[in-house]
Amino acid sequence: MTEAGFEEPPPVDLRTDRAHSARVYDYLLGGKTNFPADREVGDRVLAELPGVREDATAARAVMRRMVRRLAGVHGVRQFLDVGTGIPTTPNLHEIVQAVDPACRVVYVDNDPIVLAHSRALLTSAPEGRTAYVQGDLREPEQFLADPGVAATLDLREPVALTLINIVHFLSDEVAHPPVRKLLDALPAGSFLALSAGTADIAPERAGIATRRYAEAGIDLHLRSRERVERFFGGLELDDPGVVLVDRWHPDPAGGPVPGEGKVGVYGGVGRKA
């Protein structure tokens, strides 16, 4: 669906009475698309860990740098963004289409409020194309079979799979199989761009965040760098490898740089040979 082909999204149950990880993340980013249950979780975390906003902001910023590099340096023109979250300008398609307006993007998320706001994700440049697919990382076969994917992406050509701050809501046993299935479905020359929270930097702080999320029914699985690197098994890591996201091709022009030890998120980009 392109800008000229908007359809109003169908009515959805937003389940606003319980917190959702995407909406808590939106709140931490300073967004407006969240509800009391989400803000309650965010406020509990922020009361003890005000620096968690830096984690969220840094993860969003590294996504922008990663996809800009994938489009500008590696020449990728197709993107599959799973766990999209609430639309936040600039969205992924706006970044890559600034490099090449012909870029194509499929967004995937399981939060019904993202569907409700999906029009913001469909403002493609005329030369390109964007689509939004309702789907869950844990069930890649279902969303890969969605007609919106086939209409937008050519899976015979390289695709960048972006998983930004999503796998830390899943255990290793749950997260690794679908990530591998997605990579297996993509051709040689495709990329994985991934970020995930860690307890390496501040274990006590991470423990508090994990407990506060658990109280709201949201599992948080923070990983060491070695465990994050496992997602890139068999891939060629792009420079500088898996590092704290504020150290991944930092851009001084992109805003304030967090102080040393302030960001508890790892990220990296790998290429499928």
Foldseek 3Di string as FASTA:
>chain_A
DALVDDDQFDDDDQPQVAADPLQLLCVLCVHDPHHPNSVVLNVQLCVPFVLVSVQSVLLVVLLLVVLLCCCQVLVAQEEEEEQLGADDPPGSQVSNVVSPLARFYEYEYQRVVNSNVVSVVRHGDPNYGYYYDYDHLLCVVVRCPDVVNVVHDDQVDAYEYEAGADCQQDDPVRRQPSLVVVVVSHDAFYKYKYKYFACVLPVVSVVSSQVSCVVSVTHGHHDDQVVVCVSQPQWAWDPPGKDQSLPGPHDPVVDDRDDPSSHGMIITMTGHD
